[in-house]
Amino acid sequence: MLFLHREDGQGLVEYALILVLVAIVVIAILTLLGPAIGNVFSQITAALNLD
């Protein structure tokens, strides 16, 4: 029983790492596709302004 390691915070650290990786991927995708998404919304708003 002297050699048991405490692994209480291990799950929390793993979830935090996964969350950080997901955030990095989302930021990279938005950086690459941001202008294209902005153009789509601009076209939609231009089409709705048919005064």
PDB file of N, CA and C in Angstrom:
ATOM      1  N   MET A   1       0.810  -1.205   0.000  1.00  0.00           N
ATOM      2  CA  MET A   1       0.000   0.000   0.000  1.00  0.00           C
ATOM      3  C   MET A   1       0.850   1.263   0.000  1.00  0.00           C
ATOM      4  N   LEU A   2       2.128   1.141   0.161  1.00  0.00           N
ATOM      5  CA  LEU A   2       2.978   2.320   0.168  1.00  0.00           C
ATOM      6  C   LEU A   2       3.218   2.861  -1.230  1.00  0.00           C
ATOM      7  N   PHE A   3       2.987   2.038  -2.250  1.00  0.00           N
ATOM      8  CA  PHE A   3       3.327   2.446  -3.601  1.00  0.00           C
ATOM      9  C   PHE A   3       2.114   2.905  -4.420  1.00  0.00           C
ATOM     10  N   LEU A   4       0.995   3.131  -3.796  1.00  0.00           N
ATOM     11  CA  LEU A   4      -0.173   3.608  -4.525  1.00  0.00           C
ATOM     12  C   LEU A   4       0.002   5.089  -4.830  1.00  0.00           C
ATOM     13  N   HIS A   5      -0.250   5.439  -6.068  1.00  0.00           N
ATOM     14  CA  HIS A   5      -0.120   6.826  -6.482  1.00  0.00           C
ATOM     15  C   HIS A   5      -1.486   7.490  -6.445  1.00  0.00           C
ATOM     16  N   ARG A   6      -1.467   8.745  -6.107  1.00  0.00           N
ATOM     17  CA  ARG A   6      -2.725   9.502  -6.118  1.00  0.00           C
ATOM     18  C   ARG A   6      -2.970  10.025  -7.527  1.00  0.00           C
ATOM     19  N   GLU A   7      -4.129   9.710  -8.061  1.00  0.00           N
ATOM     20  CA  GLU A   7      -4.477  10.122  -9.415  1.00  0.00           C
ATOM     21  C   GLU A   7      -5.785  10.900  -9.408  1.00  0.00           C
ATOM     22  N   ASP A   8      -5.988  11.702  -8.396  1.00  0.00           N
ATOM     23  CA  ASP A   8      -7.251  12.425  -8.271  1.00  0.00           C
ATOM     24  C   ASP A   8      -7.407  13.475  -9.365  1.00  0.00           C
ATOM     25  N   GLY A   9      -6.373  14.236  -9.645  1.00  0.00           N
ATOM     26  CA  GLY A   9      -6.480  15.325 -10.596  1.00  0.00           C
ATOM     27  C   GLY A   9      -6.148  14.944 -12.020  1.00  0.00           C
ATOM     28  N   GLN A  10      -5.839  13.695 -12.264  1.00  0.00           N
ATOM     29  CA  GLN A  10      -5.429  13.283 -13.603  1.00  0.00           C
ATOM     30  C   GLN A  10      -6.559  13.450 -14.613  1.00  0.00           C
ATOM     31  N   GLY A  11      -7.771  13.078 -14.263  1.00  0.00           N
ATOM     32  CA  GLY A  11      -8.894  13.212 -15.184  1.00  0.00           C
ATOM     33  C   GLY A  11      -9.167  14.658 -15.532  1.00  0.00           C
ATOM     34  N   LEU A  12      -9.057  15.539 -14.541  1.00  0.00           N
ATOM     35  CA  LEU A  12      -9.288  16.959 -14.781  1.00  0.00           C
ATOM     36  C   LEU A  12      -8.251  17.531 -15.731  1.00  0.00           C
ATOM     37  N   VAL A  13      -7.012  17.128 -15.575  1.00  0.00           N
ATOM     38  CA  VAL A  13      -5.945  17.610 -16.467  1.00  0.00           C
ATOM     39  C   VAL A  13      -6.177  17.109 -17.885  1.00  0.00           C
ATOM     40  N   GLU A  14      -6.610  15.877 -18.033  1.00  0.00           N
ATOM     41  CA  GLU A  14      -6.874  15.342 -19.366  1.00  0.00           C
ATOM     42  C   GLU A  14      -8.015  16.086 -20.043  1.00  0.00           C
ATOM     43  N   TYR A  15      -9.077  16.365 -19.310  1.00  0.00           N
ATOM     44  CA  TYR A  15     -10.188  17.122 -19.881  1.00  0.00           C
ATOM     45  C   TYR A  15      -9.750  18.534 -20.250  1.00  0.00           C
ATOM     46  N   ALA A  16      -8.907  19.138 -19.439  1.00  0.00           N
ATOM     47  CA  ALA A  16      -8.416  20.484 -19.740  1.00  0.00           C
ATOM     48  C   ALA A  16      -7.574  20.474 -21.013  1.00  0.00           C
ATOM     49  N   LEU A  17      -6.742  19.467 -21.190  1.00  0.00           N
ATOM     50  CA  LEU A  17      -5.927  19.374 -22.406  1.00  0.00           C
ATOM     51  C   LEU A  17      -6.792  19.185 -23.651  1.00  0.00           C
ATOM     52  N   ILE A  18      -7.817  18.347 -23.533  1.00  0.00           N
ATOM     53  CA  ILE A  18      -8.725  18.150 -24.661  1.00  0.00           C
ATOM     54  C   ILE A  18      -9.434  19.451 -24.999  1.00  0.00           C
ATOM     55  N   LEU A  19      -9.875  20.175 -23.975  1.00  0.00           N
ATOM     56  CA  LEU A  19     -10.562  21.445 -24.194  1.00  0.00           C
ATOM     57  C   LEU A  19      -9.649  22.464 -24.868  1.00  0.00           C
ATOM     58  N   VAL A  20      -8.391  22.499 -24.459  1.00  0.00           N
ATOM     59  CA  VAL A  20      -7.431  23.421 -25.077  1.00  0.00           C
ATOM     60  C   VAL A  20      -7.194  23.044 -26.537  1.00  0.00           C
ATOM     61  N   LEU A  21      -7.066  21.770 -26.828  1.00  0.00           N
ATOM     62  CA  LEU A  21      -6.857  21.344 -28.215  1.00  0.00           C
ATOM     63  C   LEU A  21      -8.064  21.676 -29.090  1.00  0.00           C
ATOM     64  N   VAL A  22      -9.265  21.471 -28.573  1.00  0.00           N
ATOM     65  CA  VAL A  22     -10.469  21.811 -29.327  1.00  0.00           C
ATOM     66  C   VAL A  22     -10.524  23.312 -29.582  1.00  0.00           C
ATOM     67  N   ALA A  23     -10.170  24.108 -28.576  1.00  0.00           N
ATOM     68  CA  ALA A  23     -10.176  25.565 -28.739  1.00  0.00           C
ATOM     69  C   ALA A  23      -9.177  25.996 -29.808  1.00  0.00           C
ATOM     70  N   ILE A  24      -8.008  25.387 -29.828  1.00  0.00           N
ATOM     71  CA  ILE A  24      -6.999  25.728 -30.836  1.00  0.00           C
ATOM     72  C   ILE A  24      -7.492  25.386 -32.235  1.00  0.00           C
ATOM     73  N   VAL A  25      -8.139  24.241 -32.387  1.00  0.00           N
ATOM     74  CA  VAL A  25      -8.663  23.845 -33.690  1.00  0.00           C
ATOM     75  C   VAL A  25      -9.760  24.802 -34.145  1.00  0.00           C
ATOM     76  N   VAL A  26     -10.651  25.178 -33.236  1.00  0.00           N
ATOM     77  CA  VAL A  26     -11.734  26.099 -33.591  1.00  0.00           C
ATOM     78  C   VAL A  26     -11.175  27.460 -33.994  1.00  0.00           C
ATOM     79  N   ILE A  27     -10.199  27.955 -33.252  1.00  0.00           N
ATOM     80  CA  ILE A  27      -9.590  29.246 -33.589  1.00  0.00           C
ATOM     81  C   ILE A  27      -8.903  29.177 -34.959  1.00  0.00           C
ATOM     82  N   ALA A  28      -8.218  28.080 -35.244  1.00  0.00           N
ATOM     83  CA  ALA A  28      -7.553  27.936 -36.542  1.00  0.00           C
ATOM     84  C   ALA A  28      -8.564  27.893 -37.680  1.00  0.00           C
ATOM     85  N   ILE A  29      -9.660  27.180 -37.487  1.00  0.00           N
ATOM     86  CA  ILE A  29     -10.690  27.096 -38.527  1.00  0.00           C
ATOM     87  C   ILE A  29     -11.327  28.458 -38.756  1.00  0.00           C
ATOM     88  N   LEU A  30     -11.636  29.171 -37.676  1.00  0.00           N
ATOM     89  CA  LEU A  30     -12.245  30.494 -37.831  1.00  0.00           C
ATOM     90  C   LEU A  30     -11.282  31.481 -38.472  1.00  0.00           C
ATOM     91  N   THR A  31     -10.010  31.336 -38.194  1.00  0.00           N
ATOM     92  CA  THR A  31      -9.024  32.218 -38.809  1.00  0.00           C
ATOM     93  C   THR A  31      -8.937  31.968 -40.314  1.00  0.00           C
ATOM     94  N   LEU A  32      -8.994  30.710 -40.698  1.00  0.00           N
ATOM     95  CA  LEU A  32      -8.901  30.376 -42.119  1.00  0.00           C
ATOM     96  C   LEU A  32     -10.195  30.676 -42.867  1.00  0.00           C
ATOM     97  N   LEU A  33     -11.332  30.388 -42.254  1.00  0.00           N
ATOM     98  CA  LEU A  33     -12.610  30.522 -42.947  1.00  0.00           C
ATOM     99  C   LEU A  33     -13.362  31.792 -42.588  1.00  0.00           C
ATOM    100  N   GLY A  34     -12.808  32.629 -41.728  1.00  0.00           N
ATOM    101  CA  GLY A  34     -13.491  33.835 -41.282  1.00  0.00           C
ATOM    102  C   GLY A  34     -13.909  34.759 -42.408  1.00  0.00           C
ATOM    103  N   PRO A  35     -12.999  35.108 -43.314  1.00  0.00           N
ATOM    104  CA  PRO A  35     -13.400  35.987 -44.422  1.00  0.00           C
ATOM    105  C   PRO A  35     -14.492  35.390 -45.306  1.00  0.00           C
ATOM    106  N   ALA A  36     -14.438  34.103 -45.558  1.00  0.00           N
ATOM    107  CA  ALA A  36     -15.457  33.463 -46.386  1.00  0.00           C
ATOM    108  C   ALA A  36     -16.820  33.499 -45.697  1.00  0.00           C
ATOM    109  N   ILE A  37     -16.841  33.259 -44.395  1.00  0.00           N
ATOM    110  CA  ILE A  37     -18.091  33.307 -43.645  1.00  0.00           C
ATOM    111  C   ILE A  37     -18.631  34.732 -43.623  1.00  0.00           C
ATOM    112  N   GLY A  38     -17.745  35.707 -43.487  1.00  0.00           N
ATOM    113  CA  GLY A  38     -18.162  37.106 -43.515  1.00  0.00           C
ATOM    114  C   GLY A  38     -18.772  37.490 -44.850  1.00  0.00           C
ATOM    115  N   ASN A  39     -18.209  36.971 -45.944  1.00  0.00           N
ATOM    116  CA  ASN A  39     -18.758  37.248 -47.269  1.00  0.00           C
ATOM    117  C   ASN A  39     -20.149  36.657 -47.435  1.00  0.00           C
ATOM    118  N   VAL A  40     -20.360  35.478 -46.895  1.00  0.00           N
ATOM    119  CA  VAL A  40     -21.682  34.850 -46.981  1.00  0.00           C
ATOM    120  C   VAL A  40     -22.718  35.704 -46.259  1.00  0.00           C
ATOM    121  N   PHE A  41     -22.390  36.165 -45.051  1.00  0.00           N
ATOM    122  CA  PHE A  41     -23.331  36.990 -44.315  1.00  0.00           C
ATOM    123  C   PHE A  41     -23.550  38.339 -45.006  1.00  0.00           C
ATOM    124  N   SER A  42     -22.523  38.875 -45.631  1.00  0.00           N
ATOM    125  CA  SER A  42     -22.681  40.128 -46.376  1.00  0.00           C
ATOM    126  C   SER A  42     -23.614  39.941 -47.567  1.00  0.00           C
ATOM    127  N   GLN A  43     -23.489  38.832 -48.254  1.00  0.00           N
ATOM    128  CA  GLN A  43     -24.371  38.552 -49.379  1.00  0.00           C
ATOM    129  C   GLN A  43     -25.812  38.355 -48.918  1.00  0.00           C
ATOM    130  N   ILE A  44     -25.989  37.724 -47.790  1.00  0.00           N
ATOM    131  CA  ILE A  44     -27.348  37.518 -47.260  1.00  0.00           C
ATOM    132  C   ILE A  44     -27.983  38.846 -46.888  1.00  0.00           C
ATOM    133  N   THR A  45     -27.227  39.708 -46.201  1.00  0.00           N
ATOM    134  CA  THR A  45     -27.794  40.999 -45.818  1.00  0.00           C
ATOM    135  C   THR A  45     -28.035  41.882 -47.035  1.00  0.00           C
ATOM    136  N   ALA A  46     -27.191  41.770 -48.058  1.00  0.00           N
ATOM    137  CA  ALA A  46     -27.416  42.544 -49.284  1.00  0.00           C
ATOM    138  C   ALA A  46     -28.668  42.050 -49.994  1.00  0.00           C
ATOM    139  N   ALA A  47     -28.906  40.751 -49.979  1.00  0.00           N
ATOM    140  CA  ALA A  47     -30.098  40.202 -50.630  1.00  0.00           C
ATOM    141  C   ALA A  47     -31.364  40.577 -49.859  1.00  0.00           C
ATOM    142  N   LEU A  48     -31.274  40.734 -48.562  1.00  0.00           N
ATOM    143  CA  LEU A  48     -32.447  41.099 -47.776  1.00  0.00           C
ATOM    144  C   LEU A  48     -32.787  42.574 -47.894  1.00  0.00           C
ATOM    145  N   ASN A  49     -31.842  43.397 -48.302  1.00  0.00           N
ATOM    146  CA  ASN A  49     -32.079  44.843 -48.453  1.00  0.00           C
ATOM    147  C   ASN A  49     -32.517  45.150 -49.879  1.00  0.00           C
ATOM    148  N   LEU A  50     -33.663  44.613 -50.268  1.00  0.00           N
ATOM    149  CA  LEU A  50     -34.173  44.823 -51.630  1.00  0.00           C
ATOM    150  C   LEU A  50     -35.168  45.964 -51.648  1.00  0.00           C
ATOM    151  N   ASP A  51     -34.805  47.071 -51.067  1.00  0.00           N
ATOM    152  CA  ASP A  51     -35.723  48.214 -50.991  1.00  0.00           C
ATOM    153  C   ASP A  51     -36.143  48.702 -52.334  1.00  0.00           C
TER     154      ASP A  51
END
